[in-house]
Protein backbone atom coordinates (compact mmCIF):
# COMPACT_ATOMS: atom_id res chain seq x y z
CA MET A 1 21.53 -70.93 97.54
CA LYS A 2 22.81 -72.11 94.11
CA ILE A 3 23.37 -69.59 91.74
CA LEU A 4 24.07 -69.76 88.34
CA LEU A 5 26.11 -67.10 86.22
CA LEU A 6 25.33 -67.13 82.36
CA THR A 7 27.39 -64.80 80.96
CA GLN A 8 29.35 -64.86 77.46
CA TYR A 9 32.08 -62.68 78.61
CA PHE A 10 34.82 -63.92 81.69
CA PRO A 11 38.03 -63.74 82.73
CA PRO A 12 40.64 -64.65 81.43
CA GLU A 13 39.63 -62.35 78.77
CA THR A 14 40.22 -58.74 79.89
CA GLY A 15 37.83 -55.85 79.58
CA ALA A 16 35.57 -54.05 82.00
CA PRO A 17 32.53 -56.39 81.90
CA GLN A 18 35.08 -59.24 82.23
CA ASN A 19 36.53 -57.90 85.34
CA ARG A 20 33.12 -56.70 86.59
CA LEU A 21 31.60 -60.24 86.08
CA TYR A 22 33.93 -61.89 87.91
CA ASN A 23 34.11 -59.64 91.30
CA LEU A 24 30.55 -60.02 91.11
CA ALA A 25 30.51 -63.59 90.98
CA LEU A 26 32.99 -63.38 93.85
CA GLN A 27 31.16 -61.24 96.24
CA LEU A 28 27.87 -63.62 95.43
CA LYS A 29 30.29 -66.77 96.68
CA GLN A 30 30.62 -65.10 99.59
CA ARG A 31 27.15 -65.00 100.40
CA CYS A 32 25.69 -68.31 99.10
CA GLU A 33 26.18 -71.65 99.09
CA LYS A 34 27.61 -72.15 95.69
CA VAL A 35 28.19 -70.13 92.29
CA VAL A 36 28.45 -71.72 88.73
CA VAL A 37 29.70 -69.94 86.14
CA LEU A 38 28.57 -70.42 82.29
CA THR A 39 30.54 -68.73 79.92
CA GLY A 40 32.32 -69.49 76.51
CA LEU A 41 35.75 -70.60 75.45
CA PRO A 42 38.01 -67.01 76.06
CA ASN A 43 38.38 -65.12 72.96
CA TYR A 44 37.81 -61.96 73.69
CA PRO A 45 38.75 -59.06 72.29
CA SER A 46 41.12 -60.78 69.39
CA TYR A 47 38.30 -63.52 68.54
CA ARG A 48 40.68 -65.88 68.57
CA ILE A 49 40.23 -68.81 71.31
CA PHE A 50 42.93 -68.54 73.41
CA GLU A 51 45.74 -71.26 74.24
CA GLY A 52 44.56 -74.26 76.23
CA TYR A 53 41.31 -73.81 74.77
CA LYS A 54 41.36 -74.40 71.19
CA GLY A 55 40.20 -77.32 69.57
CA LYS A 56 37.28 -78.08 72.75
CA TRP A 57 33.48 -78.12 72.90
CA TYR A 58 33.51 -77.64 76.74
CA LYS A 59 35.92 -77.56 79.47
CA GLN A 60 35.29 -76.90 83.26
CA GLU A 61 37.44 -75.38 86.00
CA MET A 62 37.50 -73.92 89.17
CA ASN A 63 38.70 -70.42 90.32
CA ASN A 64 38.92 -68.94 93.56
CA GLY A 65 35.86 -71.33 94.73
CA LEU A 66 33.64 -70.77 91.67
CA GLU A 67 32.91 -73.70 89.32
CA ILE A 68 33.37 -72.31 85.40
CA ASN A 69 31.74 -74.29 82.75
CA ARG A 70 33.04 -73.39 79.24
CA SER A 71 30.94 -74.28 76.32
CA TYR A 72 31.74 -73.66 72.63
CA ILE A 73 31.52 -70.28 70.71
CA PHE A 74 32.19 -69.56 66.97
CA VAL A 75 34.85 -66.81 66.65
CA SER A 76 35.31 -64.97 63.60
CA GLN A 77 37.83 -61.72 62.81
CA ARG A 78 35.16 -60.93 59.98
CA LYS A 79 33.20 -58.05 61.62
CA SER A 80 29.52 -58.57 59.25
CA ILE A 81 26.40 -58.80 61.04
CA PHE A 82 26.39 -62.25 59.64
CA PHE A 83 29.39 -63.26 61.67
CA ARG A 84 28.40 -61.57 64.83
CA LEU A 85 25.28 -63.27 64.88
CA LEU A 86 27.17 -66.51 64.57
CA ASN A 87 29.25 -65.73 67.30
CA TYR A 88 25.72 -64.80 69.58
CA PHE A 89 23.80 -67.71 68.41
CA SER A 90 26.33 -70.31 69.02
CA PHE A 91 26.93 -69.94 72.32
CA VAL A 92 23.25 -69.68 72.89
CA LEU A 93 22.78 -73.07 71.61
CA SER A 94 25.67 -74.65 73.36
CA SER A 95 25.14 -72.55 76.65
CA LEU A 96 21.73 -74.04 76.84
CA LEU A 97 23.15 -77.43 76.15
CA THR A 98 25.65 -77.12 78.97
CA GLY A 99 23.52 -75.48 81.20
CA ILE A 100 21.15 -78.37 81.02
CA PHE A 101 23.28 -80.92 81.55
CA LYS A 102 26.45 -79.44 83.29
CA ALA A 103 25.29 -77.09 85.50
CA GLY A 104 22.66 -79.06 87.83
CA LYS A 105 20.20 -78.01 90.15
CA VAL A 106 19.88 -74.14 90.83
CA ASP A 107 18.19 -71.60 92.72
CA LEU A 108 18.79 -68.48 90.87
CA ILE A 109 19.92 -67.47 87.31
CA ILE A 110 21.66 -64.64 86.89
CA CYS A 111 21.79 -63.20 83.08
CA GLU A 112 24.40 -60.92 81.58
CA SER A 113 23.17 -58.82 78.97
CA PRO A 114 24.52 -57.78 76.55
CA PRO A 115 24.47 -60.07 74.39
CA LEU A 116 20.42 -59.61 74.73
CA PHE A 117 20.07 -63.07 72.74
CA LEU A 118 21.72 -64.60 75.87
CA GLY A 119 18.17 -63.88 77.13
CA LEU A 120 16.84 -66.92 75.41
CA THR A 121 19.20 -69.19 77.25
CA ALA A 122 18.06 -68.11 80.84
CA VAL A 123 14.22 -68.35 80.04
CA PHE A 124 14.56 -71.94 78.74
CA LEU A 125 16.83 -72.43 81.73
CA LYS A 126 14.87 -70.91 84.03
CA LYS A 127 11.80 -73.01 82.88
CA LEU A 128 13.79 -76.24 82.71
CA LYS A 129 15.25 -76.09 86.47
CA ARG A 130 12.48 -74.07 88.03
CA ALA A 131 14.75 -71.53 88.84
CA LYS A 132 14.58 -67.70 89.20
CA LEU A 133 15.51 -65.28 86.50
CA LEU A 134 17.16 -61.98 87.37
CA PHE A 135 18.31 -60.41 84.34
CA ASN A 136 21.37 -58.05 84.61
CA VAL A 137 21.22 -55.25 82.25
CA SER A 138 24.76 -53.47 81.76
CA ASP A 139 23.75 -52.13 78.17
CA LEU A 140 19.99 -51.31 76.28
CA TRP A 141 19.92 -53.47 73.74
CA PRO A 142 19.05 -53.48 70.70
CA GLU A 143 18.87 -49.37 71.08
CA SER A 144 22.23 -49.45 71.55
CA VAL A 145 23.35 -51.14 68.74
CA GLU A 146 20.99 -49.48 66.48
CA LYS A 147 22.12 -46.12 67.45
CA LEU A 148 25.49 -46.81 66.65
CA GLY A 149 24.60 -47.88 63.29
CA ILE A 150 25.85 -51.86 63.89
CA ILE A 151 22.50 -53.49 62.98
CA GLN A 152 20.44 -51.54 60.71
CA ASN A 153 18.22 -53.71 58.94
CA ARG A 154 14.75 -52.53 60.42
CA MET A 155 13.31 -56.21 60.75
CA LEU A 156 16.28 -57.56 62.85
CA ILE A 157 15.83 -54.54 65.09
CA ASN A 158 12.13 -54.94 65.66
CA LEU A 159 12.51 -58.73 66.01
CA SER A 160 15.08 -57.71 68.81
CA ILE A 161 13.22 -55.36 70.27
CA LYS A 162 9.75 -57.78 70.26
CA LEU A 163 12.56 -60.61 72.37
CA GLU A 164 13.80 -58.00 74.44
CA GLU A 165 10.08 -57.25 75.94
CA TRP A 166 9.87 -60.94 75.90
CA ILE A 167 13.18 -61.95 78.41
CA TYR A 168 12.07 -58.95 80.80
CA LYS A 169 8.58 -60.38 81.14
CA HIS A 170 10.00 -63.99 82.18
CA SER A 171 12.16 -62.15 84.12
CA ASP A 172 11.41 -62.26 88.01
CA LYS A 173 13.75 -59.53 88.91
CA ILE A 174 16.06 -57.09 86.49
CA SER A 175 19.00 -55.16 87.21
CA GLY A 176 20.96 -52.21 85.84
CA GLN A 177 24.34 -50.81 85.99
CA THR A 178 23.05 -47.17 85.69
CA GLN A 179 20.63 -45.08 86.72
CA GLY A 180 19.77 -44.31 82.72
CA ILE A 181 19.27 -48.08 82.47
CA VAL A 182 17.13 -48.40 85.45
CA GLU A 183 14.58 -45.71 84.56
CA ASN A 184 14.53 -46.68 80.92
CA ILE A 185 13.54 -50.19 81.80
CA LYS A 186 10.89 -48.98 84.97
CA THR A 187 9.23 -46.81 82.49
CA ARG A 188 8.24 -49.52 80.69
CA PHE A 189 7.90 -52.47 82.93
CA PRO A 190 6.89 -50.50 85.68
CA GLY A 191 5.52 -53.73 88.31
CA LYS A 192 9.02 -55.16 87.86
CA PRO A 193 11.35 -55.45 90.36
CA ILE A 194 14.53 -53.71 89.49
CA PHE A 195 17.37 -52.75 91.08
CA TRP A 196 20.64 -50.41 90.48
CA LEU A 197 23.66 -52.71 90.46
CA LYS A 198 26.14 -49.82 89.88
CA ASN A 199 29.79 -50.59 89.55
CA GLY A 200 32.36 -50.08 92.26
CA VAL A 201 35.63 -50.48 93.91
CA ASP A 202 37.16 -53.01 96.64
CA PHE A 203 39.60 -50.52 97.80
CA ASN A 204 41.57 -53.71 99.17
CA LYS A 205 42.06 -55.53 96.53
CA LEU A 206 43.06 -52.51 94.55
CA LYS A 207 45.69 -51.53 96.88
CA MET A 208 46.99 -55.17 97.01
CA ARG A 209 47.32 -55.58 92.99
CA LEU A 210 50.26 -52.27 93.76
CA THR A 211 53.53 -54.57 93.22
CA GLY A 212 55.59 -51.33 93.33
CA LYS A 213 56.77 -51.36 89.67
CA ASN A 214 57.96 -48.06 88.10
CA TRP A 215 55.75 -48.59 84.96
CA ARG A 216 56.17 -45.11 83.81
CA GLU A 217 60.35 -45.47 84.30
CA GLU A 218 60.35 -49.25 82.84
CA ASN A 219 58.40 -47.81 79.43
CA GLY A 220 60.86 -44.74 79.11
CA PHE A 221 59.13 -41.99 80.24
CA LYS A 222 60.44 -39.32 82.02
CA SER A 223 59.56 -38.44 85.88
CA ASP A 224 58.71 -34.63 84.60
CA ASN A 225 56.13 -35.80 81.89
CA LEU A 226 52.81 -35.33 82.05
CA LEU A 227 50.87 -39.17 81.40
CA PHE A 228 46.92 -38.87 79.97
CA TYR A 229 45.65 -42.70 79.62
CA PHE A 230 43.50 -44.48 78.15
CA GLY A 231 43.00 -48.06 79.27
CA GLY A 232 40.23 -49.91 77.46
CA LEU A 233 38.36 -51.68 74.39
CA MET A 234 39.18 -49.43 71.35
CA GLY A 235 35.60 -49.83 70.01
CA TYR A 236 33.45 -47.88 68.23
CA ALA A 237 31.77 -46.20 70.99
CA GLN A 238 34.62 -44.97 72.39
CA GLY A 239 35.03 -42.13 70.28
CA LEU A 240 38.73 -42.51 70.65
CA ASP A 241 39.58 -40.23 67.47
CA CYS A 242 39.56 -37.26 69.78
CA ILE A 243 42.33 -38.50 71.82
CA ILE A 244 44.64 -38.54 68.68
CA LYS A 245 43.45 -35.57 67.31
CA ALA A 246 43.80 -33.71 70.45
CA ALA A 247 47.56 -35.17 70.62
CA SER A 248 48.14 -33.63 67.51
CA LEU A 249 46.99 -29.89 68.82
CA LEU A 250 49.87 -30.56 71.26
CA LYS A 251 52.56 -31.27 69.44
CA ALA A 252 54.33 -28.04 70.79
CA TYR A 253 54.23 -30.00 74.53
CA PRO A 254 56.69 -32.44 74.33
CA ASP A 255 56.30 -33.23 77.98
CA ILE A 256 52.37 -33.87 77.23
CA GLN A 257 52.42 -37.84 76.40
CA PHE A 258 49.34 -39.98 75.74
CA VAL A 259 49.20 -43.92 76.88
CA MET A 260 46.88 -46.04 75.06
CA ILE A 261 46.19 -49.43 76.28
CA GLY A 262 43.84 -52.26 75.13
CA GLU A 263 43.01 -54.11 72.23
CA GLY A 264 39.51 -53.31 69.90
CA PRO A 265 38.27 -53.36 66.38
CA GLU A 266 38.91 -49.52 65.93
CA LYS A 267 42.88 -50.09 67.28
CA ASP A 268 44.31 -50.61 63.77
CA ARG A 269 42.57 -47.40 62.30
CA LEU A 270 43.72 -45.61 65.10
CA ILE A 271 47.08 -46.23 65.12
CA HIS A 272 46.67 -45.45 60.86
CA LEU A 273 45.26 -42.24 61.86
CA LYS A 274 48.42 -41.44 64.24
CA LYS A 275 50.94 -41.66 61.51
CA GLU A 276 48.64 -39.52 59.10
CA LEU A 277 48.66 -36.97 61.55
CA GLY A 278 52.18 -37.35 62.10
CA VAL A 279 51.83 -37.55 65.84
CA GLU A 280 54.32 -38.58 68.22
CA ASN A 281 53.21 -38.30 71.42
CA VAL A 282 50.73 -41.36 71.92
CA THR A 283 52.06 -44.55 72.55
CA PHE A 284 49.50 -47.78 71.77
CA TYR A 285 50.21 -50.85 74.17
CA PRO A 286 48.60 -54.33 74.02
CA GLY A 287 46.01 -55.17 76.62
CA VAL A 288 47.26 -56.53 79.67
CA PRO A 289 45.53 -58.63 82.59
CA ALA A 290 43.43 -56.93 85.02
CA SER A 291 46.54 -57.92 87.68
CA GLU A 292 48.56 -55.04 86.02
CA ILE A 293 46.66 -52.13 85.55
CA ALA A 294 46.95 -51.03 88.70
CA ASP A 295 50.77 -50.24 88.27
CA ILE A 296 49.45 -48.51 85.25
CA ILE A 297 47.22 -45.81 86.76
CA PHE A 298 49.51 -45.44 89.51
CA SER A 299 52.18 -44.67 87.01
CA ILE A 300 50.16 -42.24 85.06
CA ASP A 301 48.71 -38.08 86.08
CA VAL A 302 45.08 -38.38 84.29
CA GLY A 303 42.81 -40.74 82.79
CA ILE A 304 40.69 -40.21 79.96
CA ILE A 305 37.28 -41.71 79.50
CA PRO A 306 35.50 -40.72 76.03
CA LEU A 307 32.36 -41.82 74.53
CA LYS A 308 30.44 -40.95 70.92
CA LYS A 309 28.49 -38.31 71.11
CA ILE A 310 25.31 -39.83 71.01
CA ASP A 311 21.83 -39.35 73.92
CA LEU A 312 22.29 -43.01 74.20
CA PHE A 313 25.28 -42.46 76.48
CA GLN A 314 23.58 -39.80 78.55
CA GLY A 315 23.08 -42.87 81.18
CA ALA A 316 26.63 -44.40 80.77
CA ILE A 317 28.77 -45.09 83.51
CA PRO A 318 32.08 -46.92 81.88
CA SER A 319 33.41 -49.19 84.67
CA LYS A 320 37.01 -48.04 84.04
CA ILE A 321 36.14 -44.87 86.11
CA PHE A 322 36.41 -46.65 88.99
CA GLU A 323 39.68 -47.80 89.17
CA ILE A 324 41.20 -44.53 88.27
CA LEU A 325 39.68 -42.81 90.89
CA GLY A 326 40.16 -45.57 93.68
CA LEU A 327 43.90 -44.88 92.57
CA GLU A 328 43.59 -41.25 93.21
CA LYS A 329 43.92 -40.29 89.97
CA PRO A 330 41.43 -37.39 88.17
CA ILE A 331 39.94 -37.78 85.03
CA ILE A 332 39.27 -36.02 82.05
CA LEU A 333 35.44 -37.22 80.93
CA GLY A 334 34.15 -37.05 77.90
CA ILE A 335 30.73 -38.00 78.56
CA GLU A 336 27.78 -35.69 78.94
CA GLY A 337 24.55 -36.66 81.19
CA GLU A 338 24.62 -39.08 84.21
CA ALA A 339 28.45 -39.86 84.65
CA LYS A 340 29.31 -35.95 84.28
CA SER A 341 26.60 -35.01 87.03
CA ILE A 342 28.00 -37.81 89.89
CA PHE A 343 31.47 -37.68 89.08
CA VAL A 344 32.54 -34.24 87.95
CA ASP A 345 29.50 -32.00 89.29
CA LYS A 346 29.14 -33.76 92.69
CA GLY A 347 32.59 -35.45 92.77
CA LYS A 348 34.73 -33.03 91.64
CA ALA A 349 36.94 -35.76 90.96
CA GLY A 350 37.93 -34.11 87.22
CA VAL A 351 36.73 -32.12 84.14
CA SER A 352 34.41 -32.43 81.41
CA PHE A 353 34.98 -32.03 77.53
CA GLU A 354 32.59 -32.32 75.11
CA PRO A 355 32.21 -35.77 73.80
CA GLU A 356 34.43 -36.37 70.43
CA ASN A 357 35.68 -32.27 70.27
CA ALA A 358 39.45 -32.88 69.80
CA GLU A 359 39.94 -28.80 70.93
CA GLU A 360 38.16 -29.06 73.95
CA LEU A 361 39.82 -31.87 74.99
CA ALA A 362 43.04 -30.34 73.96
CA GLU A 363 41.95 -27.10 76.52
CA LYS A 364 41.37 -29.37 79.45
CA ILE A 365 44.83 -31.20 79.02
CA LEU A 366 46.35 -27.89 78.61
CA PHE A 367 44.36 -26.91 82.18
CA PHE A 368 46.16 -29.89 83.87
CA ARG A 369 49.58 -28.94 82.54
CA LYS A 370 48.83 -24.59 84.01
CA GLN A 371 47.59 -26.42 87.74
CA LYS A 372 49.62 -28.93 88.21
CA GLU A 373 48.06 -29.31 91.81
CA ALA A 374 44.52 -30.15 90.61
CA ILE A 375 45.97 -33.44 89.76
CA SER A 376 46.65 -34.45 93.45
CA LYS A 377 43.37 -32.44 94.68
CA MET A 378 40.52 -33.73 92.14
CA GLY A 379 42.40 -37.36 92.65
CA PHE A 380 41.96 -37.15 96.36
CA ASN A 381 38.63 -35.67 96.05
CA GLY A 382 37.59 -38.59 93.59
CA ALA A 383 38.85 -41.62 95.61
CA SER A 384 37.09 -40.08 98.69
CA PHE A 385 33.94 -39.79 96.62
CA VAL A 386 34.11 -43.44 95.50
CA LYS A 387 34.91 -44.55 98.77
CA THR A 388 31.89 -43.00 100.12
CA HIS A 389 29.44 -43.95 97.41
CA PHE A 390 30.65 -47.01 95.25
CA ASP A 391 32.15 -49.21 97.89
CA GLN A 392 32.10 -52.83 96.34
CA GLN A 393 30.98 -54.58 99.52
CA ILE A 394 28.28 -52.11 100.58
CA ILE A 395 26.78 -52.68 96.70
CA ALA A 396 27.02 -56.40 97.29
CA ASP A 397 25.42 -56.23 100.42
CA GLU A 398 22.55 -54.40 98.54
CA PHE A 399 22.43 -56.50 95.79
CA TRP A 400 22.09 -59.49 97.95
CA LYS A 401 18.91 -58.33 100.11
CA PHE A 402 17.47 -57.55 96.82
CA ILE A 403 18.03 -61.22 95.43
CA ASN A 404 16.67 -62.36 98.70
CA ALA A 405 13.49 -59.86 98.81
């Protein structure tokens, strides 16, 4: 079987979707004849085309046996909906042309959404290449962008809903990243084969990425500092104000330090908020390649994983949970619903706080300060839990059976 993985996001870009899709492509490569990736010229999250790709319309490269075809994408740092749509639809068009002329014959197309609009390319390529289509939904569009207030134009939202339904109807199979997404689609499309393609951990690869570097020492933190870590996209959905505000409430505890690593549209505003509140116990760092994350997580004490307090995120399971737990670090989870039920209530891998509630977050941080033995205990619980229920190899085997059913 020859598989075409169609996605707007892929390494060398950094971020959770990029890492997840790269790992998925490698897992599929172990099980089929060939995997071809069709993606854009790398630009995320800076929205600048990376060095080595500037001025190109198309570039093909190989990476660990994966054939990667990169096509043109319009990028702009302007944040209006007009420029967002230009970004999405430029890749819809260029990926369609690249898929027609460069991808060759394929048996199965796996299309990653969001962005939802990429489903247009997927359906057209399915028909032209007489292939099957599996539509992988990691975030429900347009529901999520509407509730986050990113798109407010009613006509555009209604058109997107019709597009979403059209894509699902033309997909042979669907997969969803969380149980909430799967149940939502099952309810609306009861006859469609659907699979929970959950995130997971490849423990062998995760441990191999540890280099022995002491990130804590190299960055000037003391051995007795308690390091609370956020890593990933600093965007609208994360609700990161609560971390800065909690840090402000904890100024009297100099041993408590916050480490925030990543890029995104909210980073400048968060840095300004830090200055405005006179917060000195928060340190921002640039985003780093996935290969460096393991050393950082190994050096911190507790991971903080927040999202905004909206019903949409009741079913969210951020992929950053898995690396943190896989390296035996506990979490403070600012998410209600599915993630809390799985990792806090069942997995005993950390504690939770009401999303966007800085006071409650500060209380949970003080809990770990007062009961430091809970850090190692919950870290051990989390690693054991994800190894039992979220092993990437087992998930890939189950997904492969679904593909071939």
